[in-house]
PDB file of N, CA and C in Angstrom:
ATOM      1  N   MET A   1      -0.423  21.157  -4.965  1.00  0.00           N
ATOM      2  CA  MET A   1       0.130  20.943  -3.643  1.00  0.00           C
ATOM      3  C   MET A   1       1.215  21.978  -3.378  1.00  0.00           C
ATOM      4  N   GLN A   2       1.082  22.676  -2.278  1.00  0.00           N
ATOM      5  CA  GLN A   2       2.084  23.677  -1.914  1.00  0.00           C
ATOM      6  C   GLN A   2       3.290  22.997  -1.276  1.00  0.00           C
ATOM      7  N   PRO A   3       4.462  23.537  -1.502  1.00  0.00           N
ATOM      8  CA  PRO A   3       5.647  22.964  -0.851  1.00  0.00           C
ATOM      9  C   PRO A   3       5.582  23.184   0.649  1.00  0.00           C
ATOM     10  N   SER A   4       6.144  22.254   1.400  1.00  0.00           N
ATOM     11  CA  SER A   4       6.142  22.399   2.852  1.00  0.00           C
ATOM     12  C   SER A   4       7.195  23.403   3.286  1.00  0.00           C
ATOM     13  N   VAL A   5       6.937  24.026   4.395  1.00  0.00           N
ATOM     14  CA  VAL A   5       7.883  24.977   4.950  1.00  0.00           C
ATOM     15  C   VAL A   5       8.994  24.234   5.674  1.00  0.00           C
ATOM     16  N   ARG A   6       8.616  23.171   6.380  1.00  0.00           N
ATOM     17  CA  ARG A   6       9.603  22.460   7.197  1.00  0.00           C
ATOM     18  C   ARG A   6       9.270  20.970   7.222  1.00  0.00           C
ATOM     19  N   VAL A   7      10.286  20.133   7.042  1.00  0.00           N
ATOM     20  CA  VAL A   7      10.126  18.687   7.135  1.00  0.00           C
ATOM     21  C   VAL A   7      11.160  18.169   8.123  1.00  0.00           C
ATOM     22  N   VAL A   8      10.695  17.417   9.118  1.00  0.00           N
ATOM     23  CA  VAL A   8      11.582  16.842  10.122  1.00  0.00           C
ATOM     24  C   VAL A   8      11.337  15.334  10.154  1.00  0.00           C
ATOM     25  N   VAL A   9      12.411  14.552  10.044  1.00  0.00           N
ATOM     26  CA  VAL A   9      12.320  13.096  10.116  1.00  0.00           C
ATOM     27  C   VAL A   9      13.084  12.646  11.347  1.00  0.00           C
ATOM     28  N   ARG A  10      12.415  11.838  12.177  1.00  0.00           N
ATOM     29  CA  ARG A  10      13.045  11.354  13.414  1.00  0.00           C
ATOM     30  C   ARG A  10      12.851   9.851  13.537  1.00  0.00           C
ATOM     31  N   ASP A  11      13.906   9.165  13.991  1.00  0.00           N
ATOM     32  CA  ASP A  11      13.778   7.752  14.325  1.00  0.00           C
ATOM     33  C   ASP A  11      12.939   7.641  15.591  1.00  0.00           C
ATOM     34  N   ILE A  12      12.074   6.643  15.648  1.00  0.00           N
ATOM     35  CA  ILE A  12      11.314   6.369  16.859  1.00  0.00           C
ATOM     36  C   ILE A  12      12.046   5.226  17.545  1.00  0.00           C
ATOM     37  N   LEU A  13      12.864   5.564  18.517  1.00  0.00           N
ATOM     38  CA  LEU A  13      13.773   4.598  19.119  1.00  0.00           C
ATOM     39  C   LEU A  13      13.069   3.541  19.952  1.00  0.00           C
ATOM     40  N   ASP A  14      11.893   3.856  20.502  1.00  0.00           N
ATOM     41  CA  ASP A  14      11.194   2.868  21.319  1.00  0.00           C
ATOM     42  C   ASP A  14       9.987   2.276  20.581  1.00  0.00           C
ATOM     43  N   TYR A  15      10.034   2.251  19.245  1.00  0.00           N
ATOM     44  CA  TYR A  15       8.955   1.651  18.457  1.00  0.00           C
ATOM     45  C   TYR A  15       8.912   0.158  18.722  1.00  0.00           C
ATOM     46  N   PHE A  16       7.722  -0.369  18.913  1.00  0.00           N
ATOM     47  CA  PHE A  16       7.551  -1.781  19.216  1.00  0.00           C
ATOM     48  C   PHE A  16       6.531  -2.345  18.234  1.00  0.00           C
ATOM     49  N   GLY A  17       7.012  -2.822  17.090  1.00  0.00           N
ATOM     50  CA  GLY A  17       6.138  -3.389  16.080  1.00  0.00           C
ATOM     51  C   GLY A  17       6.876  -4.433  15.288  1.00  0.00           C
ATOM     52  N   THR A  18       6.108  -5.243  14.570  1.00  0.00           N
ATOM     53  CA  THR A  18       6.718  -6.291  13.766  1.00  0.00           C
ATOM     54  C   THR A  18       6.266  -6.168  12.311  1.00  0.00           C
ATOM     55  N   CYS A  19       7.029  -6.768  11.449  1.00  0.00           N
ATOM     56  CA  CYS A  19       6.728  -6.786  10.016  1.00  0.00           C
ATOM     57  C   CYS A  19       5.507  -7.672   9.786  1.00  0.00           C
ATOM     58  N   PRO A  20       4.476  -7.171   9.088  1.00  0.00           N
ATOM     59  CA  PRO A  20       3.304  -8.008   8.832  1.00  0.00           C
ATOM     60  C   PRO A  20       3.565  -9.130   7.823  1.00  0.00           C
ATOM     61  N   ARG A  21       4.664  -9.017   7.088  1.00  0.00           N
ATOM     62  CA  ARG A  21       5.013 -10.039   6.101  1.00  0.00           C
ATOM     63  C   ARG A  21       5.756 -11.221   6.712  1.00  0.00           C
ATOM     64  N   CYS A  22       6.824 -10.923   7.475  1.00  0.00           N
ATOM     65  CA  CYS A  22       7.677 -12.011   7.973  1.00  0.00           C
ATOM     66  C   CYS A  22       7.704 -12.123   9.501  1.00  0.00           C
ATOM     67  N   GLY A  23       7.148 -11.144  10.214  1.00  0.00           N
ATOM     68  CA  GLY A  23       7.095 -11.211  11.670  1.00  0.00           C
ATOM     69  C   GLY A  23       8.334 -10.714  12.386  1.00  0.00           C
ATOM     70  N   TYR A  24       9.357 -10.309  11.637  1.00  0.00           N
ATOM     71  CA  TYR A  24      10.580  -9.825  12.260  1.00  0.00           C
ATOM     72  C   TYR A  24      10.347  -8.418  12.820  1.00  0.00           C
ATOM     73  N   ALA A  25      11.176  -8.006  13.760  1.00  0.00           N
ATOM     74  CA  ALA A  25      11.065  -6.668  14.347  1.00  0.00           C
ATOM     75  C   ALA A  25      11.193  -5.586  13.270  1.00  0.00           C
ATOM     76  N   ALA A  26      10.376  -4.540  13.417  1.00  0.00           N
ATOM     77  CA  ALA A  26      10.397  -3.432  12.458  1.00  0.00           C
ATOM     78  C   ALA A  26      10.966  -2.184  13.121  1.00  0.00           C
ATOM     79  N   GLU A  27      11.451  -1.275  12.304  1.00  0.00           N
ATOM     80  CA  GLU A  27      11.955   0.023  12.752  1.00  0.00           C
ATOM     81  C   GLU A  27      10.995   1.085  12.231  1.00  0.00           C
ATOM     82  N   ALA A  28      10.884   2.213  12.943  1.00  0.00           N
ATOM     83  CA  ALA A  28       9.942   3.237  12.492  1.00  0.00           C
ATOM     84  C   ALA A  28      10.558   4.629  12.568  1.00  0.00           C
ATOM     85  N   ARG A  29      10.017   5.511  11.722  1.00  0.00           N
ATOM     86  CA  ARG A  29      10.421   6.917  11.684  1.00  0.00           C
ATOM     87  C   ARG A  29       9.169   7.767  11.567  1.00  0.00           C
ATOM     88  N   SER A  30       9.224   8.927  12.174  1.00  0.00           N
ATOM     89  CA  SER A  30       8.122   9.880  12.001  1.00  0.00           C
ATOM     90  C   SER A  30       8.589  10.981  11.062  1.00  0.00           C
ATOM     91  N   THR A  31       7.713  11.367  10.165  1.00  0.00           N
ATOM     92  CA  THR A  31       7.962  12.489   9.267  1.00  0.00           C
ATOM     93  C   THR A  31       6.928  13.550   9.600  1.00  0.00           C
ATOM     94  N   ILE A  32       7.388  14.727   9.997  1.00  0.00           N
ATOM     95  CA  ILE A  32       6.497  15.821  10.380  1.00  0.00           C
ATOM     96  C   ILE A  32       6.647  16.922   9.337  1.00  0.00           C
ATOM     97  N   ARG A  33       5.542  17.240   8.675  1.00  0.00           N
ATOM     98  CA  ARG A  33       5.537  18.297   7.662  1.00  0.00           C
ATOM     99  C   ARG A  33       4.721  19.467   8.176  1.00  0.00           C
ATOM    100  N   THR A  34       5.312  20.648   8.208  1.00  0.00           N
ATOM    101  CA  THR A  34       4.626  21.857   8.652  1.00  0.00           C
ATOM    102  C   THR A  34       4.403  22.752   7.445  1.00  0.00           C
ATOM    103  N   PHE A  35       3.136  23.075   7.184  1.00  0.00           N
ATOM    104  CA  PHE A  35       2.744  23.887   6.031  1.00  0.00           C
ATOM    105  C   PHE A  35       2.333  25.282   6.485  1.00  0.00           C
ATOM    106  N   PRO A  36       2.415  26.271   5.614  1.00  0.00           N
ATOM    107  CA  PRO A  36       2.057  27.635   5.997  1.00  0.00           C
ATOM    108  C   PRO A  36       0.560  27.845   6.161  1.00  0.00           C
ATOM    109  N   ASP A  37      -0.269  27.021   5.489  1.00  0.00           N
ATOM    110  CA  ASP A  37      -1.706  27.301   5.472  1.00  0.00           C
ATOM    111  C   ASP A  37      -2.585  26.247   6.144  1.00  0.00           C
ATOM    112  N   ARG A  38      -1.998  25.281   6.819  1.00  0.00           N
ATOM    113  CA  ARG A  38      -2.794  24.272   7.520  1.00  0.00           C
ATOM    114  C   ARG A  38      -1.959  23.616   8.615  1.00  0.00           C
ATOM    115  N   PRO A  39      -2.616  22.840   9.487  1.00  0.00           N
ATOM    116  CA  PRO A  39      -1.873  22.175  10.567  1.00  0.00           C
ATOM    117  C   PRO A  39      -0.835  21.203  10.022  1.00  0.00           C
ATOM    118  N   ARG A  40       0.111  20.884  10.842  1.00  0.00           N
ATOM    119  CA  ARG A  40       1.163  19.974  10.399  1.00  0.00           C
ATOM    120  C   ARG A  40       0.629  18.561  10.220  1.00  0.00           C
ATOM    121  N   GLU A  41       1.307  17.801   9.377  1.00  0.00           N
ATOM    122  CA  GLU A  41       0.989  16.403   9.119  1.00  0.00           C
ATOM    123  C   GLU A  41       2.067  15.532   9.747  1.00  0.00           C
ATOM    124  N   VAL A  42       1.649  14.457  10.388  1.00  0.00           N
ATOM    125  CA  VAL A  42       2.588  13.512  10.977  1.00  0.00           C
ATOM    126  C   VAL A  42       2.331  12.154  10.341  1.00  0.00           C
ATOM    127  N   GLU A  43       3.391  11.562   9.808  1.00  0.00           N
ATOM    128  CA  GLU A  43       3.286  10.250   9.168  1.00  0.00           C
ATOM    129  C   GLU A  43       4.292   9.315   9.836  1.00  0.00           C
ATOM    130  N   ILE A  44       3.832   8.133  10.241  1.00  0.00           N
ATOM    131  CA  ILE A  44       4.705   7.128  10.847  1.00  0.00           C
ATOM    132  C   ILE A  44       4.874   6.007   9.827  1.00  0.00           C
ATOM    133  N   ILE A  45       6.116   5.748   9.431  1.00  0.00           N
ATOM    134  CA  ILE A  45       6.425   4.703   8.462  1.00  0.00           C
ATOM    135  C   ILE A  45       7.362   3.701   9.130  1.00  0.00           C
ATOM    136  N   ALA A  46       7.001   2.418   9.032  1.00  0.00           N
ATOM    137  CA  ALA A  46       7.851   1.353   9.568  1.00  0.00           C
ATOM    138  C   ALA A  46       8.489   0.601   8.415  1.00  0.00           C
ATOM    139  N   THR A  47       9.643  -0.002   8.698  1.00  0.00           N
ATOM    140  CA  THR A  47      10.392  -0.781   7.726  1.00  0.00           C
ATOM    141  C   THR A  47      10.859  -2.054   8.410  1.00  0.00           C
ATOM    142  N   CYS A  48      10.791  -3.169   7.702  1.00  0.00           N
ATOM    143  CA  CYS A  48      11.246  -4.442   8.252  1.00  0.00           C
ATOM    144  C   CYS A  48      12.741  -4.382   8.541  1.00  0.00           C
ATOM    145  N   GLY A  49      13.149  -4.953   9.678  1.00  0.00           N
ATOM    146  CA  GLY A  49      14.558  -4.993  10.049  1.00  0.00           C
ATOM    147  C   GLY A  49      15.337  -6.045   9.282  1.00  0.00           C
ATOM    148  N   GLN A  50      14.650  -6.914   8.554  1.00  0.00           N
ATOM    149  CA  GLN A  50      15.272  -7.930   7.706  1.00  0.00           C
ATOM    150  C   GLN A  50      15.058  -7.518   6.249  1.00  0.00           C
ATOM    151  N   PRO A  51      15.728  -8.157   5.343  1.00  0.00           N
ATOM    152  CA  PRO A  51      15.628  -7.744   3.938  1.00  0.00           C
ATOM    153  C   PRO A  51      14.392  -8.252   3.192  1.00  0.00           C
ATOM    154  N   CYS A  52      13.255  -8.451   3.862  1.00  0.00           N
ATOM    155  CA  CYS A  52      12.068  -8.912   3.128  1.00  0.00           C
ATOM    156  C   CYS A  52      11.504  -7.786   2.268  1.00  0.00           C
ATOM    157  N   GLY A  53      11.862  -6.530   2.580  1.00  0.00           N
ATOM    158  CA  GLY A  53      11.483  -5.418   1.725  1.00  0.00           C
ATOM    159  C   GLY A  53      10.225  -4.675   2.115  1.00  0.00           C
ATOM    160  N   TRP A  54       9.520  -5.110   3.175  1.00  0.00           N
ATOM    161  CA  TRP A  54       8.278  -4.448   3.545  1.00  0.00           C
ATOM    162  C   TRP A  54       8.536  -3.072   4.145  1.00  0.00           C
ATOM    163  N   SER A  55       7.677  -2.135   3.817  1.00  0.00           N
ATOM    164  CA  SER A  55       7.683  -0.795   4.382  1.00  0.00           C
ATOM    165  C   SER A  55       6.281  -0.248   4.219  1.00  0.00           C
ATOM    166  N   GLY A  56       5.787   0.470   5.237  1.00  0.00           N
ATOM    167  CA  GLY A  56       4.456   1.032   5.106  1.00  0.00           C
ATOM    168  C   GLY A  56       4.044   1.846   6.304  1.00  0.00           C
ATOM    169  N   PRO A  57       2.924   2.571   6.175  1.00  0.00           N
ATOM    170  CA  PRO A  57       2.435   3.386   7.282  1.00  0.00           C
ATOM    171  C   PRO A  57       1.915   2.492   8.406  1.00  0.00           C
ATOM    172  N   VAL A  58       2.124   2.924   9.642  1.00  0.00           N
ATOM    173  CA  VAL A  58       1.693   2.159  10.816  1.00  0.00           C
ATOM    174  C   VAL A  58       1.140   3.097  11.880  1.00  0.00           C
ATOM    175  N   THR A  59       0.447   2.510  12.836  1.00  0.00           N
ATOM    176  CA  THR A  59       0.005   3.226  14.024  1.00  0.00           C
ATOM    177  C   THR A  59       1.167   3.215  15.004  1.00  0.00           C
ATOM    178  N   LEU A  60       1.385   4.311  15.680  1.00  0.00           N
ATOM    179  CA  LEU A  60       2.497   4.394  16.626  1.00  0.00           C
ATOM    180  C   LEU A  60       2.264   3.459  17.801  1.00  0.00           C
ATOM    181  N   THR A  61       3.176   2.512  17.987  1.00  0.00           N
ATOM    182  CA  THR A  61       3.154   1.581  19.097  1.00  0.00           C
ATOM    183  C   THR A  61       4.539   1.622  19.723  1.00  0.00           C
ATOM    184  N   THR A  62       4.633   2.120  20.942  1.00  0.00           N
ATOM    185  CA  THR A  62       5.939   2.227  21.585  1.00  0.00           C
ATOM    186  C   THR A  62       5.994   1.364  22.838  1.00  0.00           C
ATOM    187  N   MET A  63       7.197   0.996  23.223  1.00  0.00           N
ATOM    188  CA  MET A  63       7.389   0.199  24.436  1.00  0.00           C
ATOM    189  C   MET A  63       7.002   0.986  25.675  1.00  0.00           C
ATOM    190  N   THR A  64       7.211   2.289  25.636  1.00  0.00           N
ATOM    191  CA  THR A  64       6.945   3.124  26.811  1.00  0.00           C
ATOM    192  C   THR A  64       5.546   3.690  26.825  1.00  0.00           C
ATOM    193  N   GLY A  65       4.821   3.564  25.722  1.00  0.00           N
ATOM    194  CA  GLY A  65       3.480   4.131  25.636  1.00  0.00           C
ATOM    195  C   GLY A  65       3.488   5.625  25.339  1.00  0.00           C
ATOM    196  N   ALA A  66       4.666   6.205  25.146  1.00  0.00           N
ATOM    197  CA  ALA A  66       4.775   7.646  24.877  1.00  0.00           C
ATOM    198  C   ALA A  66       4.397   7.943  23.437  1.00  0.00           C
ATOM    199  N   HIS A  67       3.747   9.078  23.224  1.00  0.00           N
ATOM    200  CA  HIS A  67       3.401   9.498  21.872  1.00  0.00           C
ATOM    201  C   HIS A  67       4.142  10.765  21.476  1.00  0.00           C
ATOM    202  N   ALA A  68       5.131  11.153  22.237  1.00  0.00           N
ATOM    203  CA  ALA A  68       5.885  12.380  21.964  1.00  0.00           C
ATOM    204  C   ALA A  68       6.644  12.304  20.656  1.00  0.00           C
ATOM    205  N   ALA A  69       7.070  11.115  20.250  1.00  0.00           N
ATOM    206  CA  ALA A  69       7.852  10.991  19.014  1.00  0.00           C
ATOM    207  C   ALA A  69       7.048  11.426  17.800  1.00  0.00           C
ATOM    208  N   ALA A  70       5.761  11.219  17.837  1.00  0.00           N
ATOM    209  CA  ALA A  70       4.932  11.567  16.680  1.00  0.00           C
ATOM    210  C   ALA A  70       4.658  13.050  16.611  1.00  0.00           C
ATOM    211  N   GLY A  71       4.512  13.706  17.741  1.00  0.00           N
ATOM    212  CA  GLY A  71       4.102  15.090  17.706  1.00  0.00           C
ATOM    213  C   GLY A  71       5.171  16.101  18.031  1.00  0.00           C
ATOM    214  N   ALA A  72       6.347  15.631  18.355  1.00  0.00           N
ATOM    215  CA  ALA A  72       7.409  16.574  18.767  1.00  0.00           C
ATOM    216  C   ALA A  72       7.952  17.365  17.619  1.00  0.00           C
TER     217      ALA A  72
END
């Protein structure tokens, strides 16, 4: 695996999702990795807002319907 040239992590402020474990509101961040030899990778990871400990990849679901947070 080649090292990435650039990694950007951004909070998705209008993320609208819940924890699949406890149902509490979740928070999400996008991680954008730009490599020299292929297109960039975008990963959306959500984390439970309560201490149940859940964290995992999710589909981007926003209150505004905007998808700019994932690709910006």
